[in-house]
């Protein structure tokens, strides 16, 4: 899937991705990042979705350049 970073709280290590063609944002934790250690607001990203006990989460998140 593809989306755009909506928020990233570097000091907490998590944020949210605005998913293309979806109304709900998706949680992303720093452990789910693939080719970086942090994100910036507005970055285009590609990712997979994993179901967790707390709900869906973005994993294998890669920044698109």
N, C-alpha and C. Protein backbone atom coordinates (compact mmCIF):
# COMPACT_ATOMS: atom_id res chain seq x y z
N UNK A 1 0.84 -1.17 0.00
CA UNK A 1 0.00 0.00 0.00
C UNK A 1 0.89 1.24 0.00
N UNK A 2 0.28 2.37 -0.36
CA UNK A 2 1.01 3.63 -0.37
C UNK A 2 0.26 4.67 0.44
N UNK A 3 1.01 5.65 0.95
CA UNK A 3 0.41 6.72 1.71
C UNK A 3 1.41 7.83 1.95
N UNK A 4 1.03 8.76 2.82
CA UNK A 4 1.86 9.91 3.17
C UNK A 4 1.92 10.03 4.68
N UNK A 5 3.10 10.33 5.20
CA UNK A 5 3.26 10.50 6.65
C UNK A 5 2.44 11.71 7.09
N UNK A 6 1.50 11.48 8.00
CA UNK A 6 0.66 12.56 8.53
C UNK A 6 1.36 13.22 9.71
N UNK A 7 1.83 12.41 10.64
CA UNK A 7 2.57 12.91 11.80
C UNK A 7 3.66 11.92 12.17
N UNK A 8 4.74 12.42 12.74
CA UNK A 8 5.80 11.57 13.28
C UNK A 8 6.33 12.24 14.53
N UNK A 9 6.24 11.53 15.65
CA UNK A 9 6.73 12.02 16.93
C UNK A 9 8.06 11.33 17.21
N UNK A 10 9.15 11.95 16.79
CA UNK A 10 10.47 11.35 16.88
C UNK A 10 10.84 10.98 18.31
N UNK A 11 10.49 11.82 19.27
CA UNK A 11 10.83 11.57 20.67
C UNK A 11 10.06 10.39 21.25
N UNK A 12 8.96 10.00 20.61
CA UNK A 12 8.19 8.83 21.06
C UNK A 12 8.39 7.63 20.15
N UNK A 13 8.86 7.85 18.93
CA UNK A 13 9.15 6.75 18.02
C UNK A 13 7.95 6.18 17.30
N UNK A 14 6.92 7.00 17.11
CA UNK A 14 5.76 6.52 16.35
C UNK A 14 5.06 7.68 15.66
N UNK A 15 4.12 7.33 14.80
CA UNK A 15 3.35 8.35 14.09
C UNK A 15 2.17 7.72 13.37
N UNK A 16 1.66 8.46 12.39
CA UNK A 16 0.50 8.00 11.63
C UNK A 16 0.70 8.28 10.14
N UNK A 17 0.17 7.37 9.34
CA UNK A 17 0.24 7.48 7.88
C UNK A 17 -1.17 7.69 7.34
N UNK A 18 -1.30 8.66 6.45
CA UNK A 18 -2.54 8.88 5.73
C UNK A 18 -2.52 7.94 4.53
N UNK A 19 -3.38 6.94 4.54
CA UNK A 19 -3.39 5.91 3.51
C UNK A 19 -4.17 6.38 2.29
N UNK A 20 -3.61 6.16 1.09
CA UNK A 20 -4.30 6.53 -0.14
C UNK A 20 -5.65 5.82 -0.21
N UNK A 21 -6.68 6.54 -0.57
CA UNK A 21 -8.03 6.02 -0.78
C UNK A 21 -8.67 5.43 0.47
N UNK A 22 -8.21 5.81 1.65
CA UNK A 22 -8.79 5.36 2.92
C UNK A 22 -9.10 6.58 3.78
N UNK A 23 -10.14 6.50 4.60
CA UNK A 23 -10.48 7.63 5.45
C UNK A 23 -9.74 7.60 6.79
N UNK A 24 -9.34 6.41 7.26
CA UNK A 24 -8.67 6.29 8.55
C UNK A 24 -7.15 6.30 8.38
N UNK A 25 -6.46 6.92 9.33
CA UNK A 25 -5.00 6.91 9.34
C UNK A 25 -4.52 5.61 9.95
N UNK A 26 -3.28 5.26 9.66
CA UNK A 26 -2.71 4.00 10.11
C UNK A 26 -1.52 4.26 11.03
N UNK A 27 -1.50 3.59 12.17
CA UNK A 27 -0.42 3.72 13.15
C UNK A 27 0.86 3.11 12.59
N UNK A 28 1.99 3.76 12.87
CA UNK A 28 3.31 3.20 12.51
C UNK A 28 4.26 3.41 13.68
N UNK A 29 4.97 2.34 14.06
CA UNK A 29 5.95 2.37 15.15
C UNK A 29 7.34 2.29 14.52
N UNK A 30 8.34 2.84 15.22
CA UNK A 30 9.69 2.85 14.65
C UNK A 30 10.22 1.45 14.34
N UNK A 31 9.72 0.43 15.01
CA UNK A 31 10.15 -0.94 14.74
C UNK A 31 9.63 -1.45 13.40
N UNK A 32 8.65 -0.75 12.82
CA UNK A 32 8.08 -1.15 11.53
C UNK A 32 8.73 -0.45 10.34
N UNK A 33 9.77 0.36 10.59
CA UNK A 33 10.45 1.07 9.51
C UNK A 33 11.50 0.18 8.87
N UNK A 34 11.62 0.28 7.54
CA UNK A 34 12.52 -0.61 6.82
C UNK A 34 13.81 0.07 6.36
N UNK A 35 13.73 1.15 5.59
CA UNK A 35 14.94 1.75 5.03
C UNK A 35 15.30 3.09 5.69
N UNK A 36 14.83 3.29 6.91
CA UNK A 36 15.11 4.52 7.65
C UNK A 36 14.88 4.26 9.14
N UNK A 37 15.28 5.22 9.97
CA UNK A 37 15.04 5.07 11.40
C UNK A 37 14.01 6.08 11.91
N UNK A 38 13.58 7.00 11.02
CA UNK A 38 12.55 7.97 11.38
C UNK A 38 11.84 8.45 10.12
N UNK A 39 10.72 9.11 10.30
CA UNK A 39 9.96 9.66 9.19
C UNK A 39 9.77 11.15 9.39
N UNK A 40 9.36 11.82 8.32
CA UNK A 40 9.05 13.25 8.37
C UNK A 40 7.67 13.47 7.79
N UNK A 41 6.96 14.42 8.34
CA UNK A 41 5.63 14.77 7.86
C UNK A 41 5.69 15.07 6.36
N UNK A 42 4.74 14.48 5.62
CA UNK A 42 4.64 14.73 4.19
C UNK A 42 5.39 13.76 3.31
N UNK A 43 6.22 12.88 3.88
CA UNK A 43 6.97 11.93 3.07
C UNK A 43 6.05 10.87 2.46
N UNK A 44 6.24 10.55 1.18
CA UNK A 44 5.50 9.44 0.59
C UNK A 44 6.13 8.13 1.04
N UNK A 45 5.31 7.16 1.41
CA UNK A 45 5.81 5.87 1.89
C UNK A 45 5.02 4.72 1.27
N UNK A 46 5.65 3.56 1.30
CA UNK A 46 5.04 2.31 0.87
C UNK A 46 5.15 1.35 2.05
N UNK A 47 4.15 0.51 2.27
CA UNK A 47 4.14 -0.32 3.48
C UNK A 47 3.19 -1.50 3.33
N UNK A 48 3.29 -2.40 4.27
CA UNK A 48 2.36 -3.53 4.43
C UNK A 48 1.54 -3.26 5.69
N UNK A 49 0.39 -3.89 5.80
CA UNK A 49 -0.47 -3.74 6.98
C UNK A 49 -0.49 -5.04 7.76
N UNK A 50 -0.28 -4.94 9.06
CA UNK A 50 -0.29 -6.10 9.95
C UNK A 50 -1.39 -5.90 10.98
N UNK A 51 -2.20 -6.93 11.20
CA UNK A 51 -3.20 -6.87 12.26
C UNK A 51 -2.53 -7.19 13.59
N UNK A 52 -2.75 -6.32 14.58
CA UNK A 52 -2.18 -6.51 15.91
C UNK A 52 -3.34 -6.48 16.92
N UNK A 53 -3.09 -6.87 18.17
CA UNK A 53 -4.14 -6.81 19.18
C UNK A 53 -4.71 -5.39 19.37
N UNK A 54 -3.92 -4.37 19.05
CA UNK A 54 -4.38 -2.99 19.19
C UNK A 54 -4.96 -2.42 17.90
N UNK A 55 -5.01 -3.23 16.86
CA UNK A 55 -5.55 -2.78 15.58
C UNK A 55 -4.50 -2.86 14.49
N UNK A 56 -4.88 -2.45 13.28
CA UNK A 56 -3.93 -2.52 12.16
C UNK A 56 -2.75 -1.57 12.35
N UNK A 57 -1.59 -2.00 11.85
CA UNK A 57 -0.37 -1.22 11.99
C UNK A 57 0.45 -1.33 10.71
N UNK A 58 1.10 -0.25 10.31
CA UNK A 58 1.98 -0.26 9.14
C UNK A 58 3.29 -0.91 9.52
N UNK A 59 3.76 -1.83 8.67
CA UNK A 59 5.05 -2.47 8.87
C UNK A 59 5.80 -2.49 7.55
N UNK A 60 7.08 -2.78 7.61
CA UNK A 60 7.93 -2.80 6.41
C UNK A 60 7.79 -1.48 5.65
N UNK A 61 7.79 -0.38 6.40
CA UNK A 61 7.57 0.96 5.83
C UNK A 61 8.85 1.44 5.14
N UNK A 62 8.71 1.82 3.87
CA UNK A 62 9.82 2.31 3.08
C UNK A 62 9.49 3.70 2.54
N UNK A 63 10.44 4.60 2.62
CA UNK A 63 10.27 5.95 2.06
C UNK A 63 10.41 5.84 0.54
N UNK A 64 9.49 6.49 -0.16
CA UNK A 64 9.57 6.55 -1.62
C UNK A 64 10.24 7.86 -2.00
N UNK A 65 11.27 7.78 -2.81
CA UNK A 65 12.02 8.98 -3.21
C UNK A 65 11.61 9.45 -4.58
